[in-house]
Amino acid sequence: MTTRSLIMVPRWAGSPDTDFYPWLTAKLRTPPLFDTVRALDMPTPGAPTVDGWVSTLAREAGPVPAPSTVFLGHSVGCQAVMRYLSALPQGHTVEGAIFVAGWFEVDTPWDTLRPWLDTPMDFERIRAALRRCVVLLSDSDPFTSDFRRNTRLFEERLGAEVRVVPGGRHFNNPQEPAVLAALQERFGAR
């Protein structure tokens, strides 16, 4: 039997016990949607680096993850997941990804964020690696106010299904029902 796993990559300054990650992990246990659910403890969460986070993800998920793997990225975690996926061997696919509060642009970037914005990504490779891609954005995100442009970029670059959550801000609450609902609806069938 194939083991189905969900690997979560937190936001900037996030950890496995912040935001909605503990709540979501508990909710996904009954009924079990995944055999394993892990929120990763990323290095230097207050100043994440592209190399540090992508190499940690590669170490945790493996250089070639099982095809039954689903990734959940939150904010900068989406960037790490996309960059990791772009490095997978040609032709390898995973079940999918859900990107929560993802972005390609930020209204007011700070210095340590610049490498995430300025280092190009291979969107064709990312798109080819994902059998399904769902993006949750908010119409009130304090970091990326132009949610319509952000929606368009995810649709054009990754062929993503984008859901805009009214008043969702940056999805930093201890419970985020929209995230659970998207996982259940789009990744519920085994």
N, C-alpha and C. Protein backbone atom coordinates (compact mmCIF):
# COMPACT_ATOMS: atom_id res chain seq x y z
N MET A 1 0.84 -1.19 0.00
CA MET A 1 0.00 0.00 0.00
C MET A 1 0.88 1.25 0.00
N THR A 2 0.48 2.23 -0.78
CA THR A 2 1.24 3.47 -0.88
C THR A 2 0.98 4.34 0.34
N THR A 3 2.05 4.87 0.88
CA THR A 3 1.92 5.81 1.99
C THR A 3 1.69 7.21 1.43
N ARG A 4 0.65 7.85 1.91
CA ARG A 4 0.30 9.19 1.45
C ARG A 4 0.69 10.18 2.53
N SER A 5 1.49 11.18 2.17
CA SER A 5 1.95 12.12 3.19
C SER A 5 1.68 13.57 2.80
N LEU A 6 1.51 14.37 3.84
CA LEU A 6 1.38 15.82 3.70
C LEU A 6 2.57 16.43 4.42
N ILE A 7 3.32 17.25 3.70
CA ILE A 7 4.47 17.93 4.27
C ILE A 7 4.19 19.42 4.23
N MET A 8 4.19 20.05 5.42
CA MET A 8 3.91 21.49 5.53
C MET A 8 5.21 22.26 5.73
N VAL A 9 5.34 23.36 4.98
CA VAL A 9 6.49 24.25 5.12
C VAL A 9 5.94 25.58 5.63
N PRO A 10 6.32 25.98 6.86
CA PRO A 10 5.75 27.16 7.50
C PRO A 10 6.09 28.48 6.81
N ARG A 11 5.46 29.50 7.33
CA ARG A 11 5.69 30.87 6.87
C ARG A 11 6.99 31.42 7.49
N TRP A 12 7.34 32.61 7.06
CA TRP A 12 8.44 33.38 7.62
C TRP A 12 8.23 33.48 9.13
N ALA A 13 9.21 33.13 9.91
CA ALA A 13 9.17 33.16 11.39
C ALA A 13 8.19 32.13 11.98
N GLY A 14 7.69 31.22 11.16
CA GLY A 14 6.80 30.18 11.64
C GLY A 14 7.56 28.94 12.08
N SER A 15 6.87 28.11 12.84
CA SER A 15 7.44 26.84 13.28
C SER A 15 6.30 25.82 13.33
N PRO A 16 6.60 24.55 13.54
CA PRO A 16 5.53 23.54 13.54
C PRO A 16 4.43 23.78 14.57
N ASP A 17 4.71 24.57 15.60
CA ASP A 17 3.69 24.80 16.63
C ASP A 17 3.07 26.19 16.59
N THR A 18 3.21 26.91 15.46
CA THR A 18 2.57 28.21 15.32
C THR A 18 1.41 28.12 14.32
N ASP A 19 0.67 29.19 14.23
CA ASP A 19 -0.39 29.35 13.24
C ASP A 19 -1.38 28.18 13.29
N PHE A 20 -1.84 27.74 12.15
CA PHE A 20 -2.85 26.69 12.07
C PHE A 20 -2.26 25.28 11.98
N TYR A 21 -0.94 25.14 11.98
CA TYR A 21 -0.32 23.84 11.73
C TYR A 21 -0.70 22.76 12.75
N PRO A 22 -0.65 23.03 14.07
CA PRO A 22 -1.05 21.98 15.02
C PRO A 22 -2.53 21.59 14.88
N TRP A 23 -3.38 22.58 14.70
CA TRP A 23 -4.81 22.35 14.55
C TRP A 23 -5.08 21.51 13.30
N LEU A 24 -4.45 21.88 12.19
CA LEU A 24 -4.67 21.16 10.94
C LEU A 24 -4.18 19.72 11.06
N THR A 25 -3.03 19.53 11.68
CA THR A 25 -2.49 18.19 11.88
C THR A 25 -3.49 17.33 12.65
N ALA A 26 -4.06 17.88 13.72
CA ALA A 26 -5.05 17.13 14.52
C ALA A 26 -6.30 16.85 13.71
N LYS A 27 -6.78 17.82 12.95
CA LYS A 27 -8.00 17.65 12.16
C LYS A 27 -7.84 16.59 11.07
N LEU A 28 -6.65 16.46 10.54
CA LEU A 28 -6.43 15.50 9.45
C LEU A 28 -6.27 14.07 9.95
N ARG A 29 -6.24 13.89 11.26
CA ARG A 29 -6.11 12.53 11.83
C ARG A 29 -7.41 11.76 11.82
N THR A 30 -8.55 12.45 11.96
CA THR A 30 -9.84 11.76 12.02
C THR A 30 -10.86 12.44 11.12
N PRO A 31 -11.33 11.81 10.09
CA PRO A 31 -10.78 10.57 9.56
C PRO A 31 -9.44 10.86 8.89
N PRO A 32 -8.56 9.88 8.87
CA PRO A 32 -7.23 10.15 8.34
C PRO A 32 -7.24 10.41 6.83
N LEU A 33 -6.78 11.58 6.45
CA LEU A 33 -6.70 11.95 5.04
C LEU A 33 -5.33 11.57 4.49
N PHE A 34 -4.33 11.58 5.40
CA PHE A 34 -2.95 11.24 5.03
C PHE A 34 -2.41 10.24 6.05
N ASP A 35 -1.48 9.42 5.61
CA ASP A 35 -0.84 8.47 6.53
C ASP A 35 0.11 9.19 7.48
N THR A 36 0.79 10.20 6.96
CA THR A 36 1.66 11.03 7.80
C THR A 36 1.43 12.50 7.47
N VAL A 37 1.47 13.32 8.51
CA VAL A 37 1.35 14.77 8.37
C VAL A 37 2.49 15.38 9.17
N ARG A 38 3.32 16.16 8.51
CA ARG A 38 4.45 16.79 9.21
C ARG A 38 4.55 18.26 8.85
N ALA A 39 4.70 19.10 9.87
CA ALA A 39 5.07 20.50 9.66
C ALA A 39 6.56 20.57 9.96
N LEU A 40 7.32 21.07 9.01
CA LEU A 40 8.77 21.07 9.14
C LEU A 40 9.28 22.22 10.00
N ASP A 41 10.35 21.94 10.71
CA ASP A 41 11.06 22.93 11.51
C ASP A 41 12.18 23.45 10.62
N MET A 42 12.00 24.62 10.05
CA MET A 42 12.95 25.14 9.07
C MET A 42 14.06 25.95 9.76
N PRO A 43 15.25 26.00 9.13
CA PRO A 43 16.36 26.74 9.73
C PRO A 43 16.16 28.25 9.65
N THR A 44 16.68 28.96 10.61
CA THR A 44 16.61 30.42 10.68
C THR A 44 15.27 30.96 10.20
N PRO A 45 14.17 30.59 10.88
CA PRO A 45 12.85 30.99 10.40
C PRO A 45 12.65 32.51 10.35
N GLY A 46 13.38 33.27 11.15
CA GLY A 46 13.25 34.72 11.12
C GLY A 46 13.99 35.38 9.98
N ALA A 47 14.85 34.62 9.29
CA ALA A 47 15.59 35.13 8.13
C ALA A 47 15.85 33.96 7.18
N PRO A 48 14.79 33.38 6.62
CA PRO A 48 14.96 32.21 5.76
C PRO A 48 15.75 32.53 4.50
N THR A 49 16.58 31.57 4.10
CA THR A 49 17.33 31.72 2.86
C THR A 49 16.83 30.68 1.86
N VAL A 50 16.93 31.02 0.60
CA VAL A 50 16.49 30.11 -0.46
C VAL A 50 17.23 28.78 -0.33
N ASP A 51 18.55 28.83 -0.28
CA ASP A 51 19.34 27.59 -0.22
C ASP A 51 19.05 26.80 1.05
N GLY A 52 18.99 27.49 2.19
CA GLY A 52 18.76 26.81 3.46
C GLY A 52 17.43 26.10 3.52
N TRP A 53 16.39 26.76 3.02
CA TRP A 53 15.06 26.16 3.09
C TRP A 53 14.86 25.08 2.04
N VAL A 54 15.34 25.30 0.84
CA VAL A 54 15.16 24.28 -0.21
C VAL A 54 15.97 23.04 0.13
N SER A 55 17.20 23.21 0.64
CA SER A 55 18.00 22.03 1.00
C SER A 55 17.39 21.29 2.19
N THR A 56 16.80 22.01 3.14
CA THR A 56 16.13 21.35 4.26
C THR A 56 14.92 20.57 3.76
N LEU A 57 14.17 21.15 2.87
CA LEU A 57 13.01 20.45 2.30
C LEU A 57 13.46 19.20 1.54
N ALA A 58 14.54 19.31 0.80
CA ALA A 58 15.06 18.14 0.07
C ALA A 58 15.51 17.04 1.04
N ARG A 59 16.10 17.44 2.14
CA ARG A 59 16.54 16.46 3.14
C ARG A 59 15.34 15.79 3.81
N GLU A 60 14.32 16.57 4.14
CA GLU A 60 13.15 16.05 4.84
C GLU A 60 12.22 15.24 3.94
N ALA A 61 12.00 15.70 2.72
CA ALA A 61 11.08 15.03 1.80
C ALA A 61 11.81 14.00 0.94
N GLY A 62 13.12 14.14 0.87
CA GLY A 62 13.92 13.28 0.00
C GLY A 62 14.17 13.98 -1.31
N PRO A 63 15.27 13.62 -1.99
CA PRO A 63 15.56 14.27 -3.27
C PRO A 63 14.49 13.99 -4.31
N VAL A 64 13.81 12.84 -4.16
CA VAL A 64 12.69 12.50 -5.04
C VAL A 64 11.57 11.97 -4.14
N PRO A 65 10.58 12.80 -3.83
CA PRO A 65 9.50 12.37 -2.93
C PRO A 65 8.60 11.34 -3.58
N ALA A 66 7.90 10.60 -2.75
CA ALA A 66 6.93 9.63 -3.27
C ALA A 66 5.88 10.36 -4.11
N PRO A 67 5.40 9.73 -5.17
CA PRO A 67 4.35 10.36 -5.99
C PRO A 67 3.08 10.68 -5.20
N SER A 68 2.88 10.02 -4.06
CA SER A 68 1.68 10.23 -3.25
C SER A 68 1.87 11.36 -2.23
N THR A 69 2.87 12.20 -2.42
CA THR A 69 3.15 13.32 -1.50
C THR A 69 2.36 14.56 -1.90
N VAL A 70 1.81 15.23 -0.88
CA VAL A 70 1.17 16.53 -1.06
C VAL A 70 1.96 17.51 -0.21
N PHE A 71 2.26 18.67 -0.77
CA PHE A 71 2.97 19.72 -0.04
C PHE A 71 2.01 20.84 0.30
N LEU A 72 2.17 21.40 1.48
CA LEU A 72 1.44 22.60 1.87
C LEU A 72 2.49 23.65 2.22
N GLY A 73 2.51 24.72 1.45
CA GLY A 73 3.41 25.83 1.74
C GLY A 73 2.59 26.99 2.25
N HIS A 74 3.14 27.73 3.21
CA HIS A 74 2.47 28.91 3.76
C HIS A 74 3.41 30.10 3.55
N SER A 75 2.98 31.06 2.75
CA SER A 75 3.74 32.28 2.48
C SER A 75 5.10 31.93 1.88
N VAL A 76 6.19 32.24 2.56
CA VAL A 76 7.52 31.92 2.02
C VAL A 76 7.69 30.42 1.88
N GLY A 77 6.93 29.64 2.64
CA GLY A 77 6.96 28.19 2.48
C GLY A 77 6.52 27.76 1.09
N CYS A 78 5.62 28.53 0.47
CA CYS A 78 5.20 28.24 -0.92
C CYS A 78 6.39 28.40 -1.85
N GLN A 79 7.16 29.47 -1.62
CA GLN A 79 8.35 29.70 -2.44
C GLN A 79 9.33 28.54 -2.31
N ALA A 80 9.55 28.07 -1.08
CA ALA A 80 10.48 26.96 -0.86
C ALA A 80 9.99 25.70 -1.58
N VAL A 81 8.70 25.42 -1.47
CA VAL A 81 8.15 24.23 -2.13
C VAL A 81 8.29 24.35 -3.64
N MET A 82 7.96 25.50 -4.21
CA MET A 82 8.06 25.66 -5.66
C MET A 82 9.49 25.46 -6.13
N ARG A 83 10.44 26.04 -5.42
CA ARG A 83 11.85 25.91 -5.82
C ARG A 83 12.34 24.47 -5.68
N TYR A 84 11.87 23.78 -4.65
CA TYR A 84 12.20 22.36 -4.47
C TYR A 84 11.63 21.55 -5.65
N LEU A 85 10.37 21.79 -5.98
CA LEU A 85 9.73 21.04 -7.07
C LEU A 85 10.43 21.27 -8.40
N SER A 86 10.94 22.47 -8.61
CA SER A 86 11.60 22.76 -9.89
C SER A 86 12.90 21.99 -10.04
N ALA A 87 13.43 21.46 -8.94
CA ALA A 87 14.68 20.70 -9.01
C ALA A 87 14.45 19.19 -9.11
N LEU A 88 13.20 18.75 -9.10
CA LEU A 88 12.92 17.31 -9.21
C LEU A 88 13.33 16.80 -10.60
N PRO A 89 13.64 15.51 -10.69
CA PRO A 89 13.99 14.96 -12.00
C PRO A 89 12.85 15.15 -13.01
N GLN A 90 13.22 15.41 -14.23
CA GLN A 90 12.25 15.59 -15.31
C GLN A 90 11.30 14.40 -15.34
N GLY A 91 10.00 14.67 -15.41
CA GLY A 91 9.01 13.61 -15.50
C GLY A 91 8.48 13.10 -14.17
N HIS A 92 9.13 13.48 -13.04
CA HIS A 92 8.64 13.02 -11.74
C HIS A 92 7.51 13.94 -11.28
N THR A 93 6.42 13.34 -10.79
CA THR A 93 5.30 14.14 -10.31
C THR A 93 4.95 13.75 -8.88
N VAL A 94 4.33 14.69 -8.18
CA VAL A 94 3.76 14.43 -6.86
C VAL A 94 2.27 14.68 -6.97
N GLU A 95 1.55 14.20 -5.95
CA GLU A 95 0.08 14.33 -6.00
C GLU A 95 -0.34 15.79 -6.11
N GLY A 96 0.35 16.67 -5.40
CA GLY A 96 -0.01 18.07 -5.54
C GLY A 96 0.53 18.95 -4.46
N ALA A 97 0.05 20.19 -4.52
CA ALA A 97 0.44 21.19 -3.53
C ALA A 97 -0.73 22.11 -3.26
N ILE A 98 -0.77 22.58 -2.03
CA ILE A 98 -1.70 23.64 -1.67
C ILE A 98 -0.84 24.78 -1.14
N PHE A 99 -0.97 25.92 -1.78
CA PHE A 99 -0.19 27.10 -1.41
C PHE A 99 -1.11 28.08 -0.70
N VAL A 100 -0.77 28.38 0.54
CA VAL A 100 -1.58 29.25 1.40
C VAL A 100 -0.87 30.60 1.53
N ALA A 101 -1.55 31.68 1.14
CA ALA A 101 -0.96 33.03 1.19
C ALA A 101 0.33 33.08 0.37
N GLY A 102 0.31 32.39 -0.78
CA GLY A 102 1.48 32.40 -1.66
C GLY A 102 1.62 33.74 -2.37
N TRP A 103 2.81 33.96 -2.89
CA TRP A 103 3.07 35.24 -3.57
C TRP A 103 4.25 35.11 -4.52
N PHE A 104 4.25 35.98 -5.52
CA PHE A 104 5.39 36.18 -6.40
C PHE A 104 5.90 37.60 -6.24
N GLU A 105 5.08 38.46 -5.66
CA GLU A 105 5.41 39.86 -5.42
C GLU A 105 4.92 40.23 -4.03
N VAL A 106 5.60 41.16 -3.39
CA VAL A 106 5.22 41.65 -2.06
C VAL A 106 5.18 43.17 -2.13
N ASP A 107 4.18 43.76 -1.50
CA ASP A 107 3.98 45.21 -1.58
C ASP A 107 5.22 46.01 -1.16
N THR A 108 5.77 45.67 0.00
CA THR A 108 6.92 46.40 0.53
C THR A 108 8.00 45.39 0.95
N PRO A 109 8.81 44.94 -0.01
CA PRO A 109 9.80 43.92 0.32
C PRO A 109 10.91 44.46 1.23
N TRP A 110 11.39 43.62 2.13
CA TRP A 110 12.51 43.97 2.99
C TRP A 110 13.75 43.27 2.46
N ASP A 111 14.91 43.67 2.93
CA ASP A 111 16.18 43.19 2.37
C ASP A 111 16.32 41.67 2.35
N THR A 112 16.00 41.00 3.45
CA THR A 112 16.19 39.55 3.50
C THR A 112 15.13 38.80 2.66
N LEU A 113 14.11 39.50 2.22
CA LEU A 113 13.10 38.91 1.33
C LEU A 113 13.52 38.99 -0.13
N ARG A 114 14.38 39.95 -0.45
CA ARG A 114 14.76 40.20 -1.86
C ARG A 114 15.22 38.95 -2.61
N PRO A 115 16.08 38.09 -2.03
CA PRO A 115 16.51 36.91 -2.79
C PRO A 115 15.34 36.00 -3.21
N TRP A 116 14.31 35.94 -2.39
CA TRP A 116 13.14 35.13 -2.75
C TRP A 116 12.42 35.73 -3.95
N LEU A 117 12.44 37.04 -4.07
CA LEU A 117 11.76 37.72 -5.17
C LEU A 117 12.63 37.77 -6.43
N ASP A 118 13.95 37.88 -6.23
CA ASP A 118 14.86 38.14 -7.35
C ASP A 118 15.45 36.88 -7.98
N THR A 119 15.37 35.73 -7.31
CA THR A 119 15.93 34.49 -7.87
C THR A 119 14.86 33.83 -8.72
N PRO A 120 15.11 33.69 -10.03
CA PRO A 120 14.07 33.15 -10.92
C PRO A 120 13.71 31.69 -10.60
N MET A 121 12.50 31.32 -11.02
CA MET A 121 12.01 29.95 -10.87
C MET A 121 11.64 29.40 -12.24
N ASP A 122 11.72 28.08 -12.37
CA ASP A 122 11.33 27.40 -13.60
C ASP A 122 9.87 26.96 -13.46
N PHE A 123 8.96 27.81 -13.88
CA PHE A 123 7.52 27.54 -13.71
C PHE A 123 7.07 26.32 -14.49
N GLU A 124 7.66 26.08 -15.66
CA GLU A 124 7.28 24.90 -16.45
C GLU A 124 7.59 23.62 -15.68
N ARG A 125 8.76 23.56 -15.04
CA ARG A 125 9.14 22.38 -14.26
C ARG A 125 8.24 22.21 -13.04
N ILE A 126 7.92 23.32 -12.38
CA ILE A 126 7.05 23.26 -11.20
C ILE A 126 5.67 22.73 -11.62
N ARG A 127 5.14 23.32 -12.65
CA ARG A 127 3.82 22.93 -13.15
C ARG A 127 3.79 21.45 -13.55
N ALA A 128 4.85 21.00 -14.21
CA ALA A 128 4.93 19.61 -14.66
C ALA A 128 5.04 18.64 -13.48
N ALA A 129 5.59 19.09 -12.36
CA ALA A 129 5.77 18.21 -11.19
C ALA A 129 4.49 18.03 -10.38
N LEU A 130 3.50 18.89 -10.60
CA LEU A 130 2.27 18.88 -9.79
C LEU A 130 1.10 18.31 -10.57
N ARG A 131 0.50 17.25 -10.03
CA ARG A 131 -0.72 16.75 -10.64
C ARG A 131 -1.90 17.67 -10.30
N ARG A 132 -1.82 18.35 -9.16
CA ARG A 132 -2.89 19.28 -8.75
C ARG A 132 -2.25 20.42 -7.97
N CYS A 133 -2.72 21.64 -8.21
CA CYS A 133 -2.20 22.80 -7.50
C CYS A 133 -3.36 23.70 -7.11
N VAL A 134 -3.51 23.90 -5.80
CA VAL A 134 -4.57 24.75 -5.26
C VAL A 134 -3.90 25.88 -4.48
N VAL A 135 -4.39 27.09 -4.68
CA VAL A 135 -3.83 28.26 -4.00
C VAL A 135 -4.93 28.96 -3.24
N LEU A 136 -4.67 29.25 -1.95
CA LEU A 136 -5.59 30.04 -1.14
C LEU A 136 -5.00 31.42 -0.93
N LEU A 137 -5.71 32.42 -1.40
CA LEU A 137 -5.30 33.81 -1.22
C LEU A 137 -6.39 34.53 -0.46
N SER A 138 -6.06 35.70 0.02
CA SER A 138 -7.01 36.51 0.75
C SER A 138 -7.18 37.85 0.06
N ASP A 139 -8.36 38.44 0.22
CA ASP A 139 -8.59 39.78 -0.33
C ASP A 139 -8.12 40.86 0.65
N SER A 140 -7.48 40.44 1.75
CA SER A 140 -7.03 41.41 2.76
C SER A 140 -5.62 41.08 3.26
N ASP A 141 -4.80 40.45 2.41
CA ASP A 141 -3.44 40.09 2.82
C ASP A 141 -2.61 41.37 2.98
N PRO A 142 -2.02 41.60 4.16
CA PRO A 142 -1.27 42.83 4.39
C PRO A 142 0.05 42.89 3.62
N PHE A 143 0.51 41.77 3.07
CA PHE A 143 1.79 41.75 2.36
C PHE A 143 1.64 41.80 0.84
N THR A 144 0.50 41.32 0.35
CA THR A 144 0.24 41.27 -1.09
C THR A 144 -1.19 41.74 -1.32
N SER A 145 -1.35 43.05 -1.42
CA SER A 145 -2.70 43.60 -1.48
C SER A 145 -3.41 43.36 -2.81
N ASP A 146 -2.66 43.23 -3.91
CA ASP A 146 -3.29 43.03 -5.21
C ASP A 146 -3.57 41.54 -5.44
N PHE A 147 -4.61 41.05 -4.77
CA PHE A 147 -4.92 39.62 -4.85
C PHE A 147 -5.38 39.22 -6.25
N ARG A 148 -5.92 40.17 -7.01
CA ARG A 148 -6.36 39.84 -8.38
C ARG A 148 -5.14 39.54 -9.26
N ARG A 149 -4.12 40.36 -9.14
CA ARG A 149 -2.89 40.12 -9.91
C ARG A 149 -2.23 38.81 -9.43
N ASN A 150 -2.19 38.61 -8.12
CA ASN A 150 -1.60 37.40 -7.56
C ASN A 150 -2.35 36.16 -8.07
N THR A 151 -3.67 36.24 -8.11
CA THR A 151 -4.49 35.15 -8.65
C THR A 151 -4.09 34.85 -10.09
N ARG A 152 -4.02 35.89 -10.89
CA ARG A 152 -3.68 35.75 -12.31
C ARG A 152 -2.29 35.11 -12.49
N LEU A 153 -1.31 35.54 -11.66
CA LEU A 153 0.04 34.99 -11.78
C LEU A 153 0.06 33.50 -11.46
N PHE A 154 -0.65 33.08 -10.42
CA PHE A 154 -0.70 31.65 -10.08
C PHE A 154 -1.41 30.85 -11.17
N GLU A 155 -2.47 31.41 -11.73
CA GLU A 155 -3.19 30.71 -12.80
C GLU A 155 -2.31 30.58 -14.04
N GLU A 156 -1.67 31.68 -14.44
CA GLU A 156 -0.86 31.68 -15.65
C GLU A 156 0.40 30.84 -15.49
N ARG A 157 1.10 31.00 -14.37
CA ARG A 157 2.40 30.35 -14.20
C ARG A 157 2.29 28.87 -13.84
N LEU A 158 1.29 28.52 -13.03
CA LEU A 158 1.21 27.14 -12.55
C LEU A 158 -0.07 26.41 -12.94
N GLY A 159 -0.98 27.08 -13.62
CA GLY A 159 -2.25 26.45 -13.94
C GLY A 159 -3.04 26.13 -12.69
N ALA A 160 -2.86 26.93 -11.66
CA ALA A 160 -3.43 26.65 -10.34
C ALA A 160 -4.92 26.97 -10.29
N GLU A 161 -5.59 26.24 -9.40
CA GLU A 161 -6.95 26.57 -9.00
C GLU A 161 -6.80 27.53 -7.83
N VAL A 162 -7.25 28.76 -7.98
CA VAL A 162 -7.07 29.77 -6.93
C VAL A 162 -8.41 30.03 -6.26
N ARG A 163 -8.39 30.01 -4.92
CA ARG A 163 -9.56 30.36 -4.13
C ARG A 163 -9.22 31.60 -3.31
N VAL A 164 -10.07 32.61 -3.41
CA VAL A 164 -9.86 33.84 -2.62
C VAL A 164 -10.78 33.77 -1.40
N VAL A 165 -10.18 33.87 -0.23
CA VAL A 165 -10.92 33.80 1.03
C VAL A 165 -11.15 35.22 1.54
N PRO A 166 -12.40 35.68 1.59
CA PRO A 166 -12.67 37.03 2.06
C PRO A 166 -12.20 37.21 3.51
N GLY A 167 -11.43 38.28 3.74
CA GLY A 167 -10.99 38.61 5.09
C GLY A 167 -9.98 37.65 5.68
N GLY A 168 -9.35 36.81 4.87
CA GLY A 168 -8.41 35.80 5.37
C GLY A 168 -7.07 36.33 5.82
N ARG A 169 -6.80 37.61 5.53
CA ARG A 169 -5.50 38.21 5.86
C ARG A 169 -4.35 37.31 5.40
N HIS A 170 -3.41 36.94 6.28
CA HIS A 170 -2.26 36.14 5.86
C HIS A 170 -2.36 34.70 6.39
N PHE A 171 -3.56 34.30 6.81
CA PHE A 171 -3.83 32.93 7.28
C PHE A 171 -2.94 32.56 8.47
N ASN A 172 -2.89 33.44 9.46
CA ASN A 172 -2.05 33.20 10.64
C ASN A 172 -2.83 32.77 11.87
N ASN A 173 -4.10 32.46 11.72
CA ASN A 173 -4.91 32.11 12.88
C ASN A 173 -4.60 30.70 13.38
N PRO A 174 -4.92 30.41 14.64
CA PRO A 174 -4.72 29.07 15.18
C PRO A 174 -5.61 28.02 14.48
N GLN A 175 -6.70 28.48 13.89
CA GLN A 175 -7.57 27.59 13.11
C GLN A 175 -7.86 28.29 11.78
N GLU A 176 -7.71 27.55 10.71
CA GLU A 176 -7.99 28.09 9.37
C GLU A 176 -8.88 27.09 8.63
N PRO A 177 -10.21 27.18 8.86
CA PRO A 177 -11.13 26.23 8.23
C PRO A 177 -11.05 26.19 6.70
N ALA A 178 -10.71 27.30 6.07
CA ALA A 178 -10.61 27.31 4.60
C ALA A 178 -9.48 26.41 4.11
N VAL A 179 -8.40 26.31 4.89
CA VAL A 179 -7.29 25.43 4.51
C VAL A 179 -7.72 23.98 4.62
N LEU A 180 -8.36 23.64 5.72
CA LEU A 180 -8.86 22.28 5.91
C LEU A 180 -9.86 21.92 4.81
N ALA A 181 -10.78 22.82 4.51
CA ALA A 181 -11.80 22.56 3.49
C ALA A 181 -11.15 22.32 2.12
N ALA A 182 -10.16 23.13 1.76
CA ALA A 182 -9.49 22.95 0.46
C ALA A 182 -8.78 21.61 0.40
N LEU A 183 -8.12 21.22 1.47
CA LEU A 183 -7.45 19.92 1.49
C LEU A 183 -8.46 18.78 1.36
N GLN A 184 -9.56 18.87 2.10
CA GLN A 184 -10.57 17.82 2.05
C GLN A 184 -11.22 17.73 0.67
N GLU A 185 -11.51 18.89 0.09
CA GLU A 185 -12.21 18.90 -1.20
C GLU A 185 -11.31 18.50 -2.36
N ARG A 186 -10.09 18.97 -2.37
CA ARG A 186 -9.21 18.74 -3.51
C ARG A 186 -8.29 17.53 -3.37
N PHE A 187 -8.04 17.11 -2.11
CA PHE A 187 -7.14 15.98 -1.88
C PHE A 187 -7.80 14.90 -1.04
N GLY A 188 -9.13 14.94 -0.93
CA GLY A 188 -9.84 14.00 -0.10
C GLY A 188 -9.92 12.58 -0.64
N ALA A 189 -10.03 12.46 -1.94
CA ALA A 189 -10.15 11.13 -2.54
C ALA A 189 -8.78 10.48 -2.63
N ARG A 190 -8.72 9.24 -2.18
CA ARG A 190 -7.44 8.51 -2.25
C ARG A 190 -7.37 7.72 -3.52
